[in-house]
Amino acid sequence: MRSTKTFDCVEMKDRIHRQIAQECAGLPDEQVLARIREALSHSQDAVARRWREIATPNPPGGKHG
């Protein structure tokens, strides 16, 4: 027996994309990218943390992950 679906991740993704598109309407691509980078630099979301790890160059002689 299937349970009733209480969460629609596709609907949530579409809603978020519409919101971001409205917030960035008319902005140049460089400004949109700057906003995304700013948000990622402060977010504690697992994907944002991983992005920071990948985006930060390894210092010479440092660990490689």
PDB file of N, CA and C in Angstrom:
ATOM      1  N   MET A   1       0.834  -1.181   0.000  1.00  0.00           N
ATOM      2  CA  MET A   1       0.000   0.000   0.000  1.00  0.00           C
ATOM      3  C   MET A   1       0.881   1.247   0.000  1.00  0.00           C
ATOM      4  N   ARG A   2       0.589   2.154  -0.870  1.00  0.00           N
ATOM      5  CA  ARG A   2       1.352   3.403  -0.964  1.00  0.00           C
ATOM      6  C   ARG A   2       0.811   4.432  -0.001  1.00  0.00           C
ATOM      7  N   SER A   3       1.742   5.196   0.554  1.00  0.00           N
ATOM      8  CA  SER A   3       1.313   6.279   1.433  1.00  0.00           C
ATOM      9  C   SER A   3       1.033   7.520   0.588  1.00  0.00           C
ATOM     10  N   THR A   4       0.279   8.426   1.147  1.00  0.00           N
ATOM     11  CA  THR A   4      -0.039   9.676   0.460  1.00  0.00           C
ATOM     12  C   THR A   4       1.214  10.550   0.427  1.00  0.00           C
ATOM     13  N   LYS A   5       1.490  11.086  -0.746  1.00  0.00           N
ATOM     14  CA  LYS A   5       2.663  11.932  -0.923  1.00  0.00           C
ATOM     15  C   LYS A   5       2.430  13.272  -0.229  1.00  0.00           C
ATOM     16  N   THR A   6       3.342  13.644   0.666  1.00  0.00           N
ATOM     17  CA  THR A   6       3.170  14.892   1.407  1.00  0.00           C
ATOM     18  C   THR A   6       4.167  15.963   0.978  1.00  0.00           C
ATOM     19  N   PHE A   7       5.128  15.587   0.139  1.00  0.00           N
ATOM     20  CA  PHE A   7       6.164  16.532  -0.262  1.00  0.00           C
ATOM     21  C   PHE A   7       6.472  16.329  -1.735  1.00  0.00           C
ATOM     22  N   ASP A   8       6.450  17.394  -2.505  1.00  0.00           N
ATOM     23  CA  ASP A   8       6.728  17.324  -3.933  1.00  0.00           C
ATOM     24  C   ASP A   8       8.016  18.095  -4.213  1.00  0.00           C
ATOM     25  N   CYS A   9       9.122  17.367  -4.361  1.00  0.00           N
ATOM     26  CA  CYS A   9      10.417  18.033  -4.533  1.00  0.00           C
ATOM     27  C   CYS A   9      10.507  18.761  -5.874  1.00  0.00           C
ATOM     28  N   VAL A  10       9.840  18.256  -6.911  1.00  0.00           N
ATOM     29  CA  VAL A  10       9.862  18.931  -8.209  1.00  0.00           C
ATOM     30  C   VAL A  10       9.140  20.268  -8.113  1.00  0.00           C
ATOM     31  N   GLU A  11       8.005  20.297  -7.426  1.00  0.00           N
ATOM     32  CA  GLU A  11       7.265  21.549  -7.236  1.00  0.00           C
ATOM     33  C   GLU A  11       8.110  22.541  -6.452  1.00  0.00           C
ATOM     34  N   MET A  12       8.814  22.069  -5.419  1.00  0.00           N
ATOM     35  CA  MET A  12       9.666  22.939  -4.617  1.00  0.00           C
ATOM     36  C   MET A  12      10.799  23.516  -5.465  1.00  0.00           C
ATOM     37  N   LYS A  13      11.443  22.670  -6.271  1.00  0.00           N
ATOM     38  CA  LYS A  13      12.525  23.125  -7.144  1.00  0.00           C
ATOM     39  C   LYS A  13      12.020  24.177  -8.121  1.00  0.00           C
ATOM     40  N   ASP A  14      10.863  23.929  -8.725  1.00  0.00           N
ATOM     41  CA  ASP A  14      10.291  24.887  -9.673  1.00  0.00           C
ATOM     42  C   ASP A  14       9.968  26.221  -8.992  1.00  0.00           C
ATOM     43  N   ARG A  15       9.436  26.159  -7.790  1.00  0.00           N
ATOM     44  CA  ARG A  15       9.101  27.375  -7.043  1.00  0.00           C
ATOM     45  C   ARG A  15      10.362  28.177  -6.733  1.00  0.00           C
ATOM     46  N   ILE A  16      11.418  27.500  -6.302  1.00  0.00           N
ATOM     47  CA  ILE A  16      12.681  28.166  -5.989  1.00  0.00           C
ATOM     48  C   ILE A  16      13.286  28.783  -7.249  1.00  0.00           C
ATOM     49  N   HIS A  17      13.241  28.053  -8.356  1.00  0.00           N
ATOM     50  CA  HIS A  17      13.783  28.577  -9.611  1.00  0.00           C
ATOM     51  C   HIS A  17      13.021  29.819 -10.067  1.00  0.00           C
ATOM     52  N   ARG A  18      11.698  29.806  -9.933  1.00  0.00           N
ATOM     53  CA  ARG A  18      10.906  30.979 -10.300  1.00  0.00           C
ATOM     54  C   ARG A  18      11.278  32.171  -9.422  1.00  0.00           C
ATOM     55  N   GLN A  19      11.458  31.935  -8.123  1.00  0.00           N
ATOM     56  CA  GLN A  19      11.809  33.004  -7.192  1.00  0.00           C
ATOM     57  C   GLN A  19      13.170  33.600  -7.557  1.00  0.00           C
ATOM     58  N   ILE A  20      14.149  32.754  -7.813  1.00  0.00           N
ATOM     59  CA  ILE A  20      15.484  33.233  -8.176  1.00  0.00           C
ATOM     60  C   ILE A  20      15.435  34.000  -9.493  1.00  0.00           C
ATOM     61  N   ALA A  21      14.675  33.493 -10.463  1.00  0.00           N
ATOM     62  CA  ALA A  21      14.555  34.177 -11.757  1.00  0.00           C
ATOM     63  C   ALA A  21      13.955  35.565 -11.580  1.00  0.00           C
ATOM     64  N   GLN A  22      12.972  35.692 -10.698  1.00  0.00           N
ATOM     65  CA  GLN A  22      12.368  37.006 -10.443  1.00  0.00           C
ATOM     66  C   GLN A  22      13.370  37.944  -9.775  1.00  0.00           C
ATOM     67  N   GLU A  23      14.126  37.437  -8.814  1.00  0.00           N
ATOM     68  CA  GLU A  23      15.096  38.259  -8.096  1.00  0.00           C
ATOM     69  C   GLU A  23      16.237  38.718  -9.000  1.00  0.00           C
ATOM     70  N   CYS A  24      16.563  37.921 -10.009  1.00  0.00           N
ATOM     71  CA  CYS A  24      17.710  38.219 -10.869  1.00  0.00           C
ATOM     72  C   CYS A  24      17.305  38.793 -12.223  1.00  0.00           C
ATOM     73  N   ALA A  25      16.024  39.007 -12.440  1.00  0.00           N
ATOM     74  CA  ALA A  25      15.554  39.521 -13.728  1.00  0.00           C
ATOM     75  C   ALA A  25      16.219  40.859 -14.027  1.00  0.00           C
ATOM     76  N   GLY A  26      16.799  40.964 -15.217  1.00  0.00           N
ATOM     77  CA  GLY A  26      17.407  42.216 -15.649  1.00  0.00           C
ATOM     78  C   GLY A  26      18.836  42.423 -15.187  1.00  0.00           C
ATOM     79  N   LEU A  27      19.340  41.551 -14.334  1.00  0.00           N
ATOM     80  CA  LEU A  27      20.723  41.707 -13.873  1.00  0.00           C
ATOM     81  C   LEU A  27      21.685  41.107 -14.897  1.00  0.00           C
ATOM     82  N   PRO A  28      22.856  41.692 -15.038  1.00  0.00           N
ATOM     83  CA  PRO A  28      23.863  41.088 -15.922  1.00  0.00           C
ATOM     84  C   PRO A  28      24.333  39.752 -15.332  1.00  0.00           C
ATOM     85  N   ASP A  29      24.781  38.861 -16.215  1.00  0.00           N
ATOM     86  CA  ASP A  29      25.228  37.533 -15.771  1.00  0.00           C
ATOM     87  C   ASP A  29      26.274  37.607 -14.665  1.00  0.00           C
ATOM     88  N   GLU A  30      27.190  38.556 -14.763  1.00  0.00           N
ATOM     89  CA  GLU A  30      28.249  38.674 -13.761  1.00  0.00           C
ATOM     90  C   GLU A  30      27.674  38.954 -12.377  1.00  0.00           C
ATOM     91  N   GLN A  31      26.627  39.766 -12.324  1.00  0.00           N
ATOM     92  CA  GLN A  31      26.011  40.093 -11.035  1.00  0.00           C
ATOM     93  C   GLN A  31      25.235  38.897 -10.482  1.00  0.00           C
ATOM     94  N   VAL A  32      24.598  38.143 -11.364  1.00  0.00           N
ATOM     95  CA  VAL A  32      23.888  36.932 -10.930  1.00  0.00           C
ATOM     96  C   VAL A  32      24.895  35.955 -10.331  1.00  0.00           C
ATOM     97  N   LEU A  33      26.012  35.745 -11.024  1.00  0.00           N
ATOM     98  CA  LEU A  33      27.045  34.832 -10.513  1.00  0.00           C
ATOM     99  C   LEU A  33      27.610  35.324  -9.185  1.00  0.00           C
ATOM    100  N   ALA A  34      27.799  36.626  -9.057  1.00  0.00           N
ATOM    101  CA  ALA A  34      28.304  37.182  -7.798  1.00  0.00           C
ATOM    102  C   ALA A  34      27.329  36.904  -6.663  1.00  0.00           C
ATOM    103  N   ARG A  35      26.037  37.036  -6.917  1.00  0.00           N
ATOM    104  CA  ARG A  35      25.029  36.742  -5.886  1.00  0.00           C
ATOM    105  C   ARG A  35      25.056  35.269  -5.487  1.00  0.00           C
ATOM    106  N   ILE A  36      25.197  34.390  -6.484  1.00  0.00           N
ATOM    107  CA  ILE A  36      25.247  32.950  -6.200  1.00  0.00           C
ATOM    108  C   ILE A  36      26.476  32.626  -5.358  1.00  0.00           C
ATOM    109  N   ARG A  37      27.621  33.167  -5.758  1.00  0.00           N
ATOM    110  CA  ARG A  37      28.861  32.915  -5.005  1.00  0.00           C
ATOM    111  C   ARG A  37      28.763  33.445  -3.573  1.00  0.00           C
ATOM    112  N   GLU A  38      28.159  34.607  -3.421  1.00  0.00           N
ATOM    113  CA  GLU A  38      27.983  35.188  -2.084  1.00  0.00           C
ATOM    114  C   GLU A  38      27.117  34.285  -1.219  1.00  0.00           C
ATOM    115  N   ALA A  39      26.023  33.807  -1.778  1.00  0.00           N
ATOM    116  CA  ALA A  39      25.136  32.920  -1.023  1.00  0.00           C
ATOM    117  C   ALA A  39      25.845  31.617  -0.657  1.00  0.00           C
ATOM    118  N   LEU A  40      26.597  31.051  -1.603  1.00  0.00           N
ATOM    119  CA  LEU A  40      27.327  29.816  -1.325  1.00  0.00           C
ATOM    120  C   LEU A  40      28.416  30.020  -0.282  1.00  0.00           C
ATOM    121  N   SER A  41      29.014  31.186  -0.253  1.00  0.00           N
ATOM    122  CA  SER A  41      30.116  31.426   0.679  1.00  0.00           C
ATOM    123  C   SER A  41      29.644  31.496   2.128  1.00  0.00           C
ATOM    124  N   HIS A  42      28.350  31.747   2.357  1.00  0.00           N
ATOM    125  CA  HIS A  42      27.833  31.859   3.717  1.00  0.00           C
ATOM    126  C   HIS A  42      26.930  30.698   4.133  1.00  0.00           C
ATOM    127  N   SER A  43      26.512  29.886   3.187  1.00  0.00           N
ATOM    128  CA  SER A  43      25.571  28.810   3.480  1.00  0.00           C
ATOM    129  C   SER A  43      26.248  27.654   4.223  1.00  0.00           C
ATOM    130  N   GLN A  44      25.519  27.048   5.131  1.00  0.00           N
ATOM    131  CA  GLN A  44      26.017  25.863   5.830  1.00  0.00           C
ATOM    132  C   GLN A  44      25.465  24.571   5.226  1.00  0.00           C
ATOM    133  N   ASP A  45      24.781  24.692   4.105  1.00  0.00           N
ATOM    134  CA  ASP A  45      24.261  23.539   3.393  1.00  0.00           C
ATOM    135  C   ASP A  45      25.431  22.647   2.957  1.00  0.00           C
ATOM    136  N   ALA A  46      25.227  21.342   2.941  1.00  0.00           N
ATOM    137  CA  ALA A  46      26.293  20.409   2.592  1.00  0.00           C
ATOM    138  C   ALA A  46      26.839  20.661   1.189  1.00  0.00           C
ATOM    139  N   VAL A  47      25.974  20.992   0.251  1.00  0.00           N
ATOM    140  CA  VAL A  47      26.427  21.260  -1.117  1.00  0.00           C
ATOM    141  C   VAL A  47      27.288  22.516  -1.148  1.00  0.00           C
ATOM    142  N   ALA A  48      26.907  23.552  -0.415  1.00  0.00           N
ATOM    143  CA  ALA A  48      27.689  24.781  -0.372  1.00  0.00           C
ATOM    144  C   ALA A  48      29.053  24.532   0.276  1.00  0.00           C
ATOM    145  N   ARG A  49      29.072  23.737   1.342  1.00  0.00           N
ATOM    146  CA  ARG A  49      30.359  23.430   1.985  1.00  0.00           C
ATOM    147  C   ARG A  49      31.271  22.687   1.016  1.00  0.00           C
ATOM    148  N   ARG A  50      30.729  21.742   0.262  1.00  0.00           N
ATOM    149  CA  ARG A  50      31.521  20.990  -0.716  1.00  0.00           C
ATOM    150  C   ARG A  50      32.017  21.921  -1.822  1.00  0.00           C
ATOM    151  N   TRP A  51      31.159  22.849  -2.268  1.00  0.00           N
ATOM    152  CA  TRP A  51      31.555  23.818  -3.299  1.00  0.00           C
ATOM    153  C   TRP A  51      32.759  24.627  -2.815  1.00  0.00           C
ATOM    154  N   ARG A  52      32.727  25.045  -1.544  1.00  0.00           N
ATOM    155  CA  ARG A  52      33.854  25.819  -1.010  1.00  0.00           C
ATOM    156  C   ARG A  52      35.131  24.986  -0.984  1.00  0.00           C
ATOM    157  N   GLU A  53      35.007  23.703  -0.641  1.00  0.00           N
ATOM    158  CA  GLU A  53      36.187  22.828  -0.637  1.00  0.00           C
ATOM    159  C   GLU A  53      36.780  22.721  -2.033  1.00  0.00           C
ATOM    160  N   ILE A  54      35.928  22.557  -3.025  1.00  0.00           N
ATOM    161  CA  ILE A  54      36.386  22.398  -4.405  1.00  0.00           C
ATOM    162  C   ILE A  54      36.913  23.716  -4.950  1.00  0.00           C
ATOM    163  N   ALA A  55      36.251  24.815  -4.618  1.00  0.00           N
ATOM    164  CA  ALA A  55      36.610  26.122  -5.166  1.00  0.00           C
ATOM    165  C   ALA A  55      37.874  26.700  -4.543  1.00  0.00           C
ATOM    166  N   THR A  56      38.245  26.229  -3.364  1.00  0.00           N
ATOM    167  CA  THR A  56      39.431  26.756  -2.683  1.00  0.00           C
ATOM    168  C   THR A  56      40.662  25.976  -3.149  1.00  0.00           C
ATOM    169  N   PRO A  57      41.618  26.675  -3.754  1.00  0.00           N
ATOM    170  CA  PRO A  57      42.817  25.986  -4.229  1.00  0.00           C
ATOM    171  C   PRO A  57      43.620  25.399  -3.061  1.00  0.00           C
ATOM    172  N   ASN A  58      44.202  24.258  -3.308  1.00  0.00           N
ATOM    173  CA  ASN A  58      45.054  23.637  -2.292  1.00  0.00           C
ATOM    174  C   ASN A  58      46.379  24.375  -2.214  1.00  0.00           C
ATOM    175  N   PRO A  59      46.839  24.691  -0.996  1.00  0.00           N
ATOM    176  CA  PRO A  59      48.143  25.341  -0.873  1.00  0.00           C
ATOM    177  C   PRO A  59      49.257  24.364  -1.262  1.00  0.00           C
ATOM    178  N   PRO A  60      50.393  24.869  -1.743  1.00  0.00           N
ATOM    179  CA  PRO A  60      51.498  23.986  -2.090  1.00  0.00           C
ATOM    180  C   PRO A  60      51.891  23.132  -0.891  1.00  0.00           C
ATOM    181  N   GLY A  61      52.059  21.844  -1.128  1.00  0.00           N
ATOM    182  CA  GLY A  61      52.436  20.926  -0.057  1.00  0.00           C
ATOM    183  C   GLY A  61      51.287  20.559   0.855  1.00  0.00           C
ATOM    184  N   GLY A  62      50.098  21.052   0.560  1.00  0.00           N
ATOM    185  CA  GLY A  62      48.928  20.746   1.380  1.00  0.00           C
ATOM    186  C   GLY A  62      48.318  19.405   1.015  1.00  0.00           C
ATOM    187  N   LYS A  63      47.283  19.037   1.754  1.00  0.00           N
ATOM    188  CA  LYS A  63      46.590  17.783   1.501  1.00  0.00           C
ATOM    189  C   LYS A  63      45.787  17.863   0.213  1.00  0.00           C
ATOM    190  N   HIS A  64      45.672  16.754  -0.456  1.00  0.00           N
ATOM    191  CA  HIS A  64      44.819  16.641  -1.639  1.00  0.00           C
ATOM    192  C   HIS A  64      43.706  15.673  -1.299  1.00  0.00           C
ATOM    193  N   GLY A  65      42.438  16.119  -1.481  1.00  0.00           N
ATOM    194  CA  GLY A  65      41.318  15.305  -1.058  1.00  0.00           C
ATOM    195  C   GLY A  65      40.640  14.691  -2.141  1.00  0.00           C
TER     196      GLY A  65
END
